[in-house]
Structures are given as C-alpha cells and as structure tokens.
N, C-alpha and C. Protein backbone atom coordinates (compact mmCIF):
# COMPACT_ATOMS: atom_id res chain seq x y z
N MET A 1 110.24 78.68 116.89
CA MET A 1 110.94 78.33 115.32
C MET A 1 111.23 78.61 114.31
N TYR A 2 109.53 78.67 113.50
CA TYR A 2 109.63 79.56 112.19
C TYR A 2 110.69 80.72 112.41
N LYS A 3 111.08 81.27 112.97
CA LYS A 3 111.92 82.58 112.55
C LYS A 3 112.71 82.26 112.90
N LEU A 4 113.99 81.55 113.66
CA LEU A 4 114.52 80.79 113.26
C LEU A 4 115.45 80.71 111.81
N LEU A 5 114.11 79.93 111.12
CA LEU A 5 115.18 80.11 110.03
C LEU A 5 114.54 81.15 108.58
N ILE A 6 113.65 81.28 109.16
CA ILE A 6 113.48 83.03 108.16
C ILE A 6 113.74 84.47 108.56
N GLY A 7 114.52 84.24 108.93
CA GLY A 7 115.32 85.15 110.06
C GLY A 7 116.88 85.31 110.52
N GLY A 8 117.28 84.20 109.95
CA GLY A 8 118.50 83.82 110.83
C GLY A 8 118.29 83.17 111.37
N ALA A 9 119.72 82.65 111.80
CA ALA A 9 120.11 81.43 113.43
C ALA A 9 119.99 81.63 114.29
N ALA A 10 119.98 82.99 114.62
CA ALA A 10 120.33 84.43 115.78
C ALA A 10 119.01 83.99 116.53
N ALA A 11 117.73 84.36 115.15
CA ALA A 11 116.61 84.56 115.19
C ALA A 11 115.84 83.43 116.38
N ALA A 12 115.94 82.57 116.91
CA ALA A 12 115.01 82.11 117.92
C ALA A 12 115.11 82.48 119.59
N PHE A 13 116.32 83.46 119.46
CA PHE A 13 116.96 83.88 120.64
C PHE A 13 116.61 85.48 120.25
N VAL A 14 117.05 85.62 119.10
CA VAL A 14 117.13 87.60 118.90
C VAL A 14 115.64 87.66 118.78
N ALA A 15 115.12 86.47 118.61
CA ALA A 15 112.76 87.02 118.23
C ALA A 15 112.29 87.63 119.70
N LEU A 16 113.44 87.67 120.97
CA LEU A 16 113.08 87.76 122.20
C LEU A 16 113.23 89.09 121.88
N ALA A 17 113.52 89.81 121.83
CA ALA A 17 114.49 91.07 121.66
C ALA A 17 113.69 91.82 120.99
N PRO A 18 113.07 93.24 121.22
CA PRO A 18 112.19 94.42 120.70
C PRO A 18 113.29 94.65 119.40
N ALA A 19 113.81 94.03 118.81
CA ALA A 19 114.64 93.70 117.22
C ALA A 19 113.91 95.86 116.43
N THR A 20 112.09 95.46 116.23
CA THR A 20 112.05 96.27 115.43
C THR A 20 110.78 96.89 116.15
N ALA A 21 111.38 97.16 117.26
CA ALA A 21 111.07 98.28 117.98
C ALA A 21 110.31 99.71 117.11
N GLY A 22 108.66 99.35 117.17
CA GLY A 22 107.76 99.79 116.97
C GLY A 22 107.25 99.93 115.84
N THR A 23 107.41 98.30 115.28
CA THR A 23 106.63 98.29 113.87
C THR A 23 105.65 97.26 114.16
N VAL A 24 105.18 96.22 114.13
CA VAL A 24 104.16 95.07 114.27
C VAL A 24 104.53 94.08 113.72
N GLN A 25 105.23 93.91 112.62
CA GLN A 25 105.74 92.83 111.88
C GLN A 25 106.76 92.97 110.69
N PRO A 26 107.53 92.41 110.65
CA PRO A 26 108.66 93.05 109.56
C PRO A 26 107.96 93.38 108.19
N HIS A 27 108.78 93.67 107.99
CA HIS A 27 108.04 94.13 106.48
C HIS A 27 108.37 92.65 105.57
N PRO A 28 107.56 92.68 103.92
CA PRO A 28 107.86 91.53 103.23
C PRO A 28 108.67 91.30 103.17
N ASP A 29 109.85 92.96 102.54
CA ASP A 29 111.09 93.29 101.69
C ASP A 29 112.10 92.68 102.73
N ASP A 30 111.80 93.19 104.04
CA ASP A 30 112.83 93.43 105.43
C ASP A 30 112.69 91.32 105.62
N HIS A 31 111.82 90.63 104.93
CA HIS A 31 111.97 89.22 105.12
C HIS A 31 112.55 88.81 103.83
N GLN A 32 112.36 89.15 102.84
CA GLN A 32 112.74 88.34 101.98
C GLN A 32 114.94 88.85 102.20
N ALA A 33 114.71 89.62 102.38
CA ALA A 33 116.06 90.27 102.68
C ALA A 33 116.79 89.20 103.36
N MET A 34 116.09 88.78 104.60
CA MET A 34 116.57 88.09 105.53
C MET A 34 116.74 86.33 105.42
N MET A 35 115.41 85.71 104.22
CA MET A 35 116.01 84.93 103.31
C MET A 35 117.25 84.45 102.82
N ASN A 36 116.93 85.64 101.93
CA ASN A 36 118.67 85.50 100.87
C ASN A 36 119.83 85.89 101.49
N LYS A 37 119.93 86.36 102.37
CA LYS A 37 120.89 87.26 103.47
C LYS A 37 121.92 85.17 103.52
N THR A 38 123.21 85.89 103.38
CA THR A 38 124.32 84.25 104.44
C THR A 38 124.48 84.56 105.27
N GLU A 39 125.26 84.32 106.52
CA GLU A 39 124.84 84.59 107.76
C GLU A 39 126.38 83.30 108.86
N THR A 40 127.02 83.95 109.40
CA THR A 40 128.15 82.89 109.75
C THR A 40 127.63 83.52 110.87
N ARG A 41 128.88 82.17 111.61
CA ARG A 41 128.81 81.98 113.13
C ARG A 41 129.43 83.33 114.22
N ALA A 42 129.98 83.80 113.94
CA ALA A 42 130.47 85.06 114.56
C ALA A 42 129.60 86.32 114.61
N GLU A 43 128.73 86.30 113.77
CA GLU A 43 127.61 87.25 113.80
C GLU A 43 126.33 87.25 113.64
N VAL A 44 126.29 85.68 114.09
CA VAL A 44 125.19 85.22 115.04
C VAL A 44 125.73 85.47 116.50
N GLN A 45 126.91 85.34 116.91
CA GLN A 45 127.33 85.43 118.83
C GLN A 45 127.01 87.13 118.55
N ALA A 46 128.28 87.85 117.24
CA ALA A 46 127.62 89.20 117.76
C ALA A 46 126.50 89.87 118.22
N HIS A 47 125.07 89.38 117.62
CA HIS A 47 123.91 89.80 117.02
C HIS A 47 123.17 89.14 118.39
N ILE A 48 123.43 88.50 118.93
CA ILE A 48 123.31 87.44 120.55
C ILE A 48 123.56 88.44 121.30
N SER A 49 125.05 88.71 121.95
CA SER A 49 125.04 89.87 122.42
C SER A 49 124.97 91.21 122.50
N GLN A 50 124.39 91.98 121.33
CA GLN A 50 123.70 92.73 121.20
C GLN A 50 122.35 92.92 121.78
N MET A 51 121.80 91.71 121.05
CA MET A 51 119.82 91.65 122.05
C MET A 51 120.25 91.38 123.71
N PHE A 52 121.09 90.85 124.34
CA PHE A 52 120.79 90.16 125.63
C PHE A 52 121.57 91.61 126.35
N ALA A 53 122.51 91.95 125.53
CA ALA A 53 122.60 93.63 126.22
C ALA A 53 121.00 93.66 126.31
N LYS A 54 120.22 94.25 125.48
CA LYS A 54 119.13 95.34 125.03
C LYS A 54 118.20 94.69 126.18
N LEU A 55 118.37 93.50 125.86
CA LEU A 55 117.15 92.38 126.52
C LEU A 55 117.22 92.48 128.67
N ASP A 56 118.49 92.38 128.62
CA ASP A 56 119.00 92.00 130.34
C ASP A 56 118.81 93.59 130.77
N ALA A 57 117.64 94.01 131.26
CA ALA A 57 117.59 95.89 131.34
C ALA A 57 118.05 96.53 132.96
N ASN A 58 118.51 95.12 133.87
CA ASN A 58 118.78 95.10 135.23
C ASN A 58 120.75 95.09 135.55
N LYS A 59 121.32 94.59 133.99
CA LYS A 59 122.61 94.42 134.22
C LYS A 59 123.19 93.50 134.61
N ASP A 60 122.80 92.83 135.32
CA ASP A 60 123.38 91.49 136.00
C ASP A 60 123.27 89.94 135.32
N GLY A 61 123.66 90.18 134.45
CA GLY A 61 123.83 89.39 133.23
C GLY A 61 123.12 88.35 133.27
N TYR A 62 121.68 88.32 133.61
CA TYR A 62 120.93 87.85 133.23
C TYR A 62 119.91 88.16 132.53
N ILE A 63 119.00 86.88 131.51
CA ILE A 63 117.45 87.78 131.35
C ILE A 63 116.53 86.96 132.38
N SER A 64 116.14 87.54 133.24
CA SER A 64 114.53 86.74 134.04
C SER A 64 113.66 86.75 133.05
N THR A 65 112.53 85.95 133.66
CA THR A 65 111.19 85.69 133.29
C THR A 65 110.68 87.68 133.13
N ALA A 66 110.63 88.34 134.41
CA ALA A 66 110.26 89.17 134.78
C ALA A 66 110.63 90.89 133.60
N GLU A 67 112.50 90.24 133.24
CA GLU A 67 112.43 90.96 131.72
C GLU A 67 112.00 91.36 130.98
N MET A 68 111.61 89.64 131.28
CA MET A 68 110.81 89.34 128.83
C MET A 68 109.51 89.58 128.96
N ASP A 69 108.69 89.67 130.86
CA ASP A 69 107.30 90.27 130.70
C ASP A 69 107.42 91.67 130.37
N ALA A 70 108.21 92.46 130.63
CA ALA A 70 107.52 93.74 130.61
C ALA A 70 108.15 93.55 129.58
N MET A 71 109.38 93.29 128.97
CA MET A 71 109.58 93.40 127.39
C MET A 71 108.48 93.78 126.36
N GLN A 72 107.90 92.30 126.83
CA GLN A 72 106.71 91.81 125.95
C GLN A 72 105.77 92.89 126.11
N ALA A 73 105.64 92.96 127.27
CA ALA A 73 104.62 94.37 127.68
C ALA A 73 104.05 95.35 126.89
N LYS A 74 105.45 95.99 126.78
CA LYS A 74 105.99 96.82 126.39
C LYS A 74 105.99 97.11 124.78
N GLN A 75 106.23 95.72 123.83
CA GLN A 75 106.23 95.33 123.01
C GLN A 75 104.57 95.72 122.03
N ALA A 76 104.33 95.16 123.12
CA ALA A 76 102.63 94.83 123.41
C ALA A 76 102.09 95.78 122.52
N GLY A 77 102.25 97.09 122.85
CA GLY A 77 101.24 98.49 124.16
C GLY A 77 102.18 99.35 121.90
N ARG A 78 103.78 98.86 121.90
CA ARG A 78 104.14 99.61 121.14
C ARG A 78 102.85 99.18 119.99
N MET A 79 102.54 97.73 119.79
CA MET A 79 102.06 96.93 118.88
C MET A 79 100.45 97.76 118.22
N GLU A 80 100.12 97.85 119.48
CA GLU A 80 98.18 98.90 119.11
C GLU A 80 98.78 99.87 118.87
N GLN A 81 99.37 100.25 119.94
CA GLN A 81 100.06 101.52 118.57
C GLN A 81 100.19 101.92 117.35
N LYS A 82 100.78 101.06 116.68
CA LYS A 82 100.82 101.81 115.72
C LYS A 82 99.79 100.79 115.27
N MET A 83 98.82 99.68 115.18
CA MET A 83 98.00 99.37 114.30
C MET A 83 96.83 100.08 114.41
N GLU A 84 97.26 100.69 115.18
CA GLU A 84 95.72 101.67 115.23
C GLU A 84 95.89 103.20 114.68
N GLN A 85 97.13 103.97 114.97
CA GLN A 85 97.68 104.51 113.55
C GLN A 85 97.49 104.40 112.54
N ARG A 86 97.60 102.60 111.94
CA ARG A 86 97.20 102.53 110.56
C ARG A 86 96.23 102.93 110.56
N ALA A 87 95.38 102.17 111.15
CA ALA A 87 93.32 102.66 110.87
C ALA A 87 93.88 103.61 110.48
N ALA A 88 93.50 104.44 111.08
CA ALA A 88 93.33 106.08 111.41
C ALA A 88 94.15 106.67 110.26
N HIS A 89 95.08 105.95 109.14
CA HIS A 89 95.16 106.81 108.40
C HIS A 89 95.09 106.44 107.06
N PHE A 90 94.39 104.97 107.39
CA PHE A 90 93.79 103.97 106.38
C PHE A 90 93.11 104.69 105.06
N ASP A 91 93.49 104.86 103.93
CA ASP A 91 92.95 105.44 103.00
C ASP A 91 92.66 105.42 101.57
N PRO A 92 92.15 104.42 101.20
CA PRO A 92 91.85 103.38 99.80
C PRO A 92 91.71 103.85 98.56
N ALA A 93 90.77 104.68 98.59
CA ALA A 93 90.96 106.26 97.94
C ALA A 93 92.59 106.92 97.31
N LYS A 94 93.14 107.48 98.55
CA LYS A 94 94.53 107.58 98.27
C LYS A 94 95.50 107.40 97.09
N MET A 95 95.19 105.74 98.47
CA MET A 95 96.76 104.95 98.13
C MET A 95 95.79 104.44 96.35
N PHE A 96 95.05 104.68 96.03
CA PHE A 96 94.75 103.73 94.70
C PHE A 96 95.14 105.06 93.97
N ALA A 97 95.35 106.47 94.33
CA ALA A 97 95.77 107.55 93.65
C ALA A 97 97.08 106.90 92.59
N HIS A 98 97.60 106.66 94.31
CA HIS A 98 99.23 107.07 93.94
C HIS A 98 99.68 105.92 92.94
N LEU A 99 98.72 104.42 93.60
CA LEU A 99 99.52 102.95 92.64
C LEU A 99 98.52 103.42 91.58
N ASP A 100 97.49 103.67 90.87
CA ASP A 100 97.14 103.64 89.75
C ASP A 100 97.55 105.00 88.78
N THR A 101 99.76 104.79 88.59
CA THR A 101 100.11 105.79 87.48
C THR A 101 99.62 105.75 86.10
N ASN A 102 98.65 105.11 85.66
CA ASN A 102 98.06 105.08 84.35
C ASN A 102 97.10 105.44 83.95
N LYS A 103 96.08 106.14 85.15
CA LYS A 103 95.43 106.24 85.68
C LYS A 103 93.85 105.87 84.81
N ASP A 104 94.56 104.74 84.48
CA ASP A 104 92.81 104.06 83.98
C ASP A 104 91.77 102.86 84.89
N GLY A 105 91.69 103.98 86.34
CA GLY A 105 90.80 102.97 87.00
C GLY A 105 91.34 101.66 87.66
N LYS A 106 92.24 101.24 87.37
CA LYS A 106 92.48 99.82 87.75
C LYS A 106 94.52 99.62 88.23
N LEU A 107 94.07 98.61 89.02
CA LEU A 107 95.59 98.46 89.56
C LEU A 107 95.82 97.06 88.88
N THR A 108 96.74 97.18 88.14
CA THR A 108 97.70 95.91 87.92
C THR A 108 98.80 95.62 88.78
N LYS A 109 99.81 94.26 88.81
CA LYS A 109 100.82 94.52 90.09
C LYS A 109 101.97 94.27 89.13
N ALA A 110 102.18 94.92 88.06
CA ALA A 110 103.28 95.16 87.81
C ALA A 110 103.10 97.35 88.52
N GLU A 111 102.12 97.16 88.57
CA GLU A 111 101.68 99.19 89.17
C GLU A 111 102.24 98.99 90.53
N VAL A 112 101.63 98.15 91.10
CA VAL A 112 101.73 97.79 92.54
C VAL A 112 103.13 97.74 92.81
N GLU A 113 103.67 96.43 92.16
CA GLU A 113 104.91 96.80 92.43
C GLU A 113 106.07 97.54 91.96
N ALA A 114 105.96 97.90 90.22
CA ALA A 114 106.82 99.79 90.74
C ALA A 114 106.55 100.70 91.30
N ALA A 115 105.64 100.94 92.09
CA ALA A 115 105.63 101.99 93.31
C ALA A 115 106.03 101.09 94.25
N ARG A 116 105.91 100.04 94.87
CA ARG A 116 106.95 99.59 96.05
C ARG A 116 108.16 99.91 95.78
N ALA A 117 108.96 98.88 94.33
CA ALA A 117 109.92 99.72 94.45
C ALA A 117 110.93 100.64 94.19
N ALA A 118 109.57 101.80 93.54
CA ALA A 118 110.10 102.72 94.08
C ALA A 118 110.61 104.08 95.46
N ARG A 119 109.48 102.57 95.90
CA ARG A 119 109.65 103.24 97.63
C ARG A 119 110.81 102.49 98.48
N LYS A 120 110.54 101.62 98.64
CA LYS A 120 112.14 100.27 99.36
C LYS A 120 112.72 100.10 98.69
N GLY A 121 113.14 99.86 97.07
CA GLY A 121 114.07 99.43 96.08
C GLY A 121 113.56 97.54 95.89
N ALA A 122 112.69 97.52 96.21
CA ALA A 122 112.44 95.84 96.26
C ALA A 122 112.05 95.53 95.12
N THR A 123 112.36 94.55 94.80
CA THR A 123 111.97 93.75 92.92
C THR A 123 111.47 92.83 93.38
N ASN A 124 110.68 92.07 94.99
CA ASN A 124 110.32 90.28 94.86
C ASN A 124 108.99 90.68 94.42
N GLY A 125 108.03 89.69 93.98
CA GLY A 125 106.17 90.53 93.63
C GLY A 125 105.70 89.86 94.61
N HIS A 126 106.00 89.55 96.04
CA HIS A 126 105.39 89.11 97.33
C HIS A 126 104.11 90.02 98.01
N GLY A 127 104.67 91.17 97.67
CA GLY A 127 103.86 92.60 98.17
C GLY A 127 102.90 92.64 97.39
N ALA A 128 102.64 92.26 96.20
CA ALA A 128 101.40 92.67 94.89
C ALA A 128 100.98 92.06 95.27
N ASP A 129 101.18 90.27 95.94
CA ASP A 129 100.39 88.73 95.83
C ASP A 129 99.04 88.66 96.21
N ARG A 130 100.02 89.34 97.95
CA ARG A 130 99.52 89.63 98.69
C ARG A 130 97.57 90.71 99.13
N LEU A 131 98.65 91.40 98.01
CA LEU A 131 97.53 92.68 97.72
C LEU A 131 96.67 92.23 97.21
N PHE A 132 96.58 91.65 96.01
CA PHE A 132 95.70 90.36 95.09
C PHE A 132 94.68 89.60 95.50
N ALA A 133 95.51 89.04 96.45
CA ALA A 133 95.15 87.99 96.47
C ALA A 133 93.84 88.27 97.87
N HIS A 134 94.22 89.57 98.96
CA HIS A 134 93.15 89.94 99.15
C HIS A 134 91.90 91.08 99.33
N ALA A 135 92.25 91.41 98.22
CA ALA A 135 91.29 92.53 97.01
C ALA A 135 90.39 92.30 96.19
N ASP A 136 91.44 91.39 95.18
CA ASP A 136 91.31 90.57 93.69
C ASP A 136 90.06 90.11 94.06
N THR A 137 88.55 90.05 94.33
CA THR A 137 87.27 89.62 94.67
C THR A 137 86.94 89.05 93.58
N ASN A 138 86.94 89.29 92.40
CA ASN A 138 86.76 88.58 91.09
C ASN A 138 87.20 87.77 90.58
N LYS A 139 88.58 87.88 91.13
CA LYS A 139 89.54 87.26 90.34
C LYS A 139 90.20 87.39 88.38
N ASP A 140 89.84 88.70 88.70
CA ASP A 140 90.27 89.41 87.16
C ASP A 140 91.90 90.23 87.16
N GLY A 141 92.44 89.56 87.50
CA GLY A 141 94.19 90.28 87.29
C GLY A 141 93.85 91.50 87.39
N VAL A 142 93.42 92.18 88.17
CA VAL A 142 93.55 94.08 88.77
C VAL A 142 92.56 94.00 90.13
N ILE A 143 92.88 94.87 90.50
CA ILE A 143 92.18 95.42 91.13
C ILE A 143 91.05 97.17 91.41
N THR A 144 90.12 97.61 91.43
CA THR A 144 89.36 98.82 91.05
C THR A 144 89.64 98.81 92.69
N LEU A 145 89.14 100.61 92.88
CA LEU A 145 88.68 101.47 93.62
C LEU A 145 87.62 100.49 94.72
N ALA A 146 86.74 100.07 93.56
CA ALA A 146 85.81 99.35 94.50
C ALA A 146 86.20 98.38 95.69
N GLU A 147 87.06 97.69 95.06
CA GLU A 147 87.31 96.68 95.56
C GLU A 147 88.37 96.62 96.92
N LEU A 148 89.63 98.00 96.63
CA LEU A 148 90.15 98.43 97.69
C LEU A 148 89.77 99.04 98.93
N GLN A 149 89.01 99.69 98.53
CA GLN A 149 87.93 100.41 99.71
C GLN A 149 87.35 99.26 100.51
N ALA A 150 86.63 97.89 99.99
CA ALA A 150 86.16 96.78 100.79
C ALA A 150 87.14 96.07 101.46
N LEU A 151 88.36 96.27 101.44
CA LEU A 151 88.87 96.11 102.33
C LEU A 151 89.00 96.62 103.47
N PRO A 152 88.94 95.20 104.24
CA PRO A 152 89.21 95.87 106.39
C PRO A 152 90.32 97.04 106.54
N LYS A 153 89.55 97.56 107.55
CA LYS A 153 90.97 97.90 107.96
C LYS A 153 91.78 97.86 108.88
N PRO A 154 93.23 98.06 108.72
CA PRO A 154 93.88 97.51 110.17
C PRO A 154 93.15 97.63 111.29
N SER A 155 94.24 96.29 111.70
CA SER A 155 93.33 95.63 113.61
C SER A 155 93.93 95.51 114.74
N PHE A 156 94.00 95.40 114.92
CA PHE A 156 94.75 94.91 116.43
C PHE A 156 93.67 93.50 117.37
N ASP A 157 95.37 92.55 116.88
CA ASP A 157 94.52 91.04 116.93
C ASP A 157 95.60 90.68 118.37
N LYS A 158 94.32 91.14 119.20
CA LYS A 158 95.22 90.93 120.53
C LYS A 158 95.74 89.47 120.97
N ALA A 159 94.57 88.88 120.53
CA ALA A 159 94.87 86.88 120.92
C ALA A 159 96.06 86.41 119.52
N LYS A 160 96.35 86.91 118.88
CA LYS A 160 97.29 86.72 118.06
C LYS A 160 98.51 87.18 118.88
N ILE A 161 98.87 88.71 118.99
CA ILE A 161 100.26 89.14 119.70
C ILE A 161 100.73 88.00 120.61
N GLU A 162 99.64 88.40 122.20
CA GLU A 162 99.42 86.93 123.16
C GLU A 162 100.12 86.09 122.36
N GLN A 163 99.85 85.49 121.65
CA GLN A 163 99.78 83.77 121.50
C GLN A 163 101.83 83.78 121.06
N ARG A 164 102.24 84.99 119.74
CA ARG A 164 103.37 85.15 119.65
C ARG A 164 104.44 85.52 120.83
N MET A 165 104.20 85.82 122.09
CA MET A 165 104.18 86.58 123.38
C MET A 165 104.40 85.11 123.69
N GLU A 166 104.03 84.27 123.33
CA GLU A 166 103.89 83.18 124.75
C GLU A 166 104.58 82.04 123.82
N GLY A 167 104.85 82.65 122.11
CA GLY A 167 105.91 81.93 122.48
C GLY A 167 107.66 82.17 122.60
N ARG A 168 107.15 83.52 122.95
CA ARG A 168 108.86 83.42 122.81
C ARG A 168 109.18 83.64 124.42
N GLY A 169 108.17 83.11 125.22
CA GLY A 169 108.80 82.90 126.02
C GLY A 169 108.74 81.49 126.38
N HIS A 170 108.29 80.71 125.52
CA HIS A 170 108.82 79.43 125.38
C HIS A 170 110.55 79.29 124.32
N MET A 171 110.86 79.78 122.87
CA MET A 171 112.08 80.20 123.65
C MET A 171 112.92 80.25 124.70
N LEU A 172 112.86 81.43 125.66
CA LEU A 172 112.89 82.21 126.27
C LEU A 172 113.75 80.22 127.05
N GLY A 173 113.06 79.72 127.26
CA GLY A 173 112.60 78.49 128.03
C GLY A 173 113.77 77.61 127.63
N GLN A 174 114.02 77.83 126.33
CA GLN A 174 114.68 76.07 125.41
C GLN A 174 115.89 77.23 125.87
N ALA A 175 116.67 78.05 125.81
CA ALA A 175 117.69 79.05 125.91
C ALA A 175 117.99 78.61 127.41
N ASP A 176 117.77 78.04 128.09
CA ASP A 176 117.48 78.23 129.75
C ASP A 176 118.21 76.89 130.56
N LEU A 177 119.28 76.42 129.78
CA LEU A 177 120.08 75.25 129.49
C LEU A 177 119.70 74.52 131.09
N ASN A 178 120.07 75.31 131.94
CA ASN A 178 120.58 74.77 133.14
C ASN A 178 118.78 74.94 133.87
N LYS A 179 118.14 74.84 133.76
CA LYS A 179 116.58 75.17 133.98
C LYS A 179 116.74 76.14 135.35
N ASP A 180 117.60 77.11 135.94
CA ASP A 180 117.55 77.87 136.72
C ASP A 180 116.53 78.78 136.98
N GLY A 181 115.56 79.41 135.18
CA GLY A 181 114.41 80.85 135.70
C GLY A 181 114.93 81.97 134.99
N LYS A 182 116.67 81.58 134.50
CA LYS A 182 117.14 82.90 133.82
C LYS A 182 117.94 82.45 132.28
N VAL A 183 118.00 83.08 131.97
CA VAL A 183 119.54 82.28 130.24
C VAL A 183 120.88 83.32 130.57
N SER A 184 121.66 83.75 130.68
CA SER A 184 123.13 83.95 130.72
C SER A 184 123.31 84.35 129.05
N LEU A 185 123.81 84.22 129.43
CA LEU A 185 125.19 85.60 127.54
C LEU A 185 125.24 84.17 127.29
N ALA A 186 125.77 83.46 127.71
CA ALA A 186 126.28 81.99 127.17
C ALA A 186 125.75 81.20 127.12
N GLU A 187 124.30 80.87 128.04
CA GLU A 187 124.06 79.86 127.24
C GLU A 187 122.54 80.90 126.36
N ALA A 188 122.62 81.85 126.00
CA ALA A 188 121.51 81.90 124.48
C ALA A 188 122.92 82.27 123.56
N GLN A 189 123.59 82.46 123.94
CA GLN A 189 125.03 81.95 122.15
C GLN A 189 124.51 80.58 122.38
N GLN A 190 124.88 79.74 123.60
CA GLN A 190 124.92 78.11 123.33
C GLN A 190 124.03 78.02 122.23
N ALA A 191 122.42 77.98 122.32
CA ALA A 191 121.60 77.86 122.18
C ALA A 191 121.17 78.28 120.85
N ALA A 192 121.28 79.54 120.20
CA ALA A 192 121.66 80.39 118.85
C ALA A 192 122.22 78.89 117.93
N LEU A 193 123.52 78.80 118.44
CA LEU A 193 124.64 77.78 117.87
C LEU A 193 124.08 76.94 117.50
N ALA A 194 123.71 76.10 118.24
CA ALA A 194 123.33 74.47 118.07
C ALA A 194 122.15 75.14 117.06
N GLN A 195 121.29 76.14 117.14
CA GLN A 195 120.18 75.58 115.96
C GLN A 195 120.73 76.20 114.87
N PHE A 196 121.59 76.92 114.50
CA PHE A 196 122.89 77.14 113.14
C PHE A 196 123.08 76.45 112.77
N ASP A 197 123.99 75.76 113.75
CA ASP A 197 124.95 74.43 113.65
C ASP A 197 123.28 73.33 113.00
N ARG A 198 122.65 72.65 113.22
CA ARG A 198 121.50 72.07 112.71
C ARG A 198 121.09 72.76 111.41
N VAL A 199 120.74 73.60 110.94
CA VAL A 199 120.84 74.52 109.62
C VAL A 199 121.64 74.85 108.96
N ASP A 200 123.06 74.74 109.33
CA ASP A 200 124.94 74.94 108.43
C ASP A 200 124.57 73.65 108.09
N THR A 201 124.54 72.50 107.38
CA THR A 201 124.33 70.40 106.89
C THR A 201 125.87 70.37 106.48
N ASN A 202 126.37 71.21 105.84
CA ASN A 202 127.00 71.50 105.34
C ASN A 202 129.01 71.49 106.06
N HIS A 203 128.42 72.40 107.34
CA HIS A 203 129.83 72.86 108.49
C HIS A 203 130.29 73.36 108.71
N ASP A 204 130.09 74.35 107.20
CA ASP A 204 131.38 75.30 106.62
C ASP A 204 131.24 77.00 107.96
N GLY A 205 130.10 76.35 109.23
CA GLY A 205 130.35 77.68 109.58
C GLY A 205 129.92 79.33 108.90
N LYS A 206 129.08 79.12 107.93
CA LYS A 206 128.06 79.51 107.81
C LYS A 206 126.38 79.04 106.77
N ILE A 207 125.33 79.77 107.26
CA ILE A 207 123.66 79.46 106.08
C ILE A 207 123.66 80.22 105.50
N THR A 208 123.59 79.47 104.04
CA THR A 208 123.67 79.93 102.85
C THR A 208 121.83 80.48 102.62
N PRO A 209 121.38 81.03 101.80
CA PRO A 209 119.74 80.99 101.65
C PRO A 209 119.63 79.65 101.28
N GLU A 210 119.94 79.29 100.37
CA GLU A 210 119.79 77.71 99.99
C GLU A 210 119.69 76.78 101.34
N GLU A 211 120.35 76.88 102.38
CA GLU A 211 120.58 76.17 103.39
C GLU A 211 118.80 76.29 104.36
N ARG A 212 118.99 77.94 104.37
CA ARG A 212 118.29 78.53 105.38
C ARG A 212 116.85 77.71 104.43
N LYS A 213 116.43 77.74 103.48
CA LYS A 213 115.20 77.56 102.58
C LYS A 213 114.95 76.24 102.76
N ALA A 214 115.73 74.86 102.25
CA ALA A 214 116.08 73.10 103.37
C ALA A 214 115.18 73.34 103.95
N ALA A 215 115.74 74.11 105.58
CA ALA A 215 115.76 73.49 106.16
C ALA A 215 113.84 74.48 106.79
N PHE A 216 114.16 75.23 106.32
CA PHE A 216 112.26 75.78 106.13
C PHE A 216 111.43 75.39 105.69
N ALA A 217 111.41 74.36 104.20
CA ALA A 217 110.75 73.14 104.15
C ALA A 217 110.65 71.99 104.93
N ALA A 218 111.56 71.23 105.15
CA ALA A 218 112.21 70.41 105.68
C ALA A 218 110.47 70.14 107.40
N MET A 219 110.71 71.55 107.68
CA MET A 219 110.65 71.91 109.47
C MET A 219 109.39 72.23 109.12
N HIS A 220 108.41 72.51 107.48
CA HIS A 220 107.16 73.16 107.26
C HIS A 220 107.09 71.49 106.51
N ALA A 221 107.11 70.84 105.97
CA ALA A 221 106.98 69.21 106.15
C ALA A 221 106.63 68.12 107.58
N GLN A 222 107.31 68.63 108.14
CA GLN A 222 106.88 67.77 109.70
C GLN A 222 105.58 68.33 110.33
N HIS A 223 105.55 69.92 110.23
CA HIS A 223 104.80 70.13 110.74
C HIS A 223 103.08 69.64 110.17
N LYS A 224 103.12 70.04 108.76
CA LYS A 224 101.81 69.82 108.36
C LYS A 224 101.55 67.93 108.42
N GLY A 225 102.95 67.44 108.40
CA GLY A 225 102.71 65.74 109.25
C GLY A 225 102.43 66.00 110.39
C-alpha cells in the first residue's frame, strides 16, 4: 500500500509488474520524482494497460497466480544477480577518491550531493543523508576513507525480497474483485482507480504532490497507531 502513495496511484497494481527490471529498488532520485509528480486518471489507466500486457504472459486477458509466481521468481533472480554485481564492484577507495573533489581527505554532504547532481541531475539531499547516517559513525559531519571502508558490502537479503513478493501477491488478491483466482484488465483498472479516488481528495481527476504526501502521512500515522 505504501507503494501506492510513493509511486503514484497506479502503483498498487503496477508494483506487480517488473517495471524496474534489473534493479534492486528504485533510485532515491526516482522516488523523489514520483513524489513530486502530478498524475491524472487517464495516465493511471494507460499505465495499468501497459503493465497488464507485460504480466499477462499467455495473452489470455487475465493475470493468474501462476503468471504472478513466475514473474516474481524471475525478478528475484534479477535482484540477486544485481546485488552480486554491486558487491563485486564495491570499491570504497575509488568511491572516496571520486567524491572527495577538493582532495582534503574527508567528504562533506555538499561534495556528495554535487557529485550526485552531476551524475543524475539530482538536487535533493536524501542520498547524502542516507550515506552520512550509515558512514559518519562519529557524527562529526564528515566521512573519512576509514569510515567509508567500514561500510558493509551490498548484500542480497532473501527474506526481505520474499516478504516484498508476498506483499505483491496480496495486492493481486485485492485486485481480484470477483475472487475467481485471476485478474482481468477491467479489475486491475477498477482497483487502481479506486485507490486513485481515495488519494484525490478534491476529486479533480488528478493527484498532486500535496495530496500524495498528505495520504502518505495519514497512512503512516495509521500504521504507527
């Protein structure tokens, strides 16, 4: 359900599809872009149709549990392969040399963000905040090479992936409105648009960043409660 609010109204169903095939999870900049996106009902319907076609492997007009299981297994394999590649190429010294632009032997948040902005056009500070939360162990506001080298290598958390896959299976069950064990395009669109209407509080046919953030905050409060 959180994916719905983070990634757009269609994401409760779109998350079932391998929309980010080959990636372990959305890049933080992509997450921020989705949060800042205004989305219309027409865009949701078009996106659902596109993702439905990808999931309907045998082209019978339905998404079955077997198709869902096959997609999940394939995507989990891609995730594991990607994490193995990241671990093999994880080089703290090389990363530090690239980020330390003034060559003073320490990384500031400004240096990290400048490097990320040059690479991806990103301007938010979320990436630097995460890096500093993990690497700046003495909390002095800078990261040394020793601190960066102390970070664990990227690893594949099979339990977490399985939990994510179970959540997607639950989303599929929610979209199966007539409970016949499979989902049609009409059911998929109806389920996604019902979620869209709940987030679109002023009912103007579009979800703004403010509406999405408000819905996310309300859901977060509900889960905490």
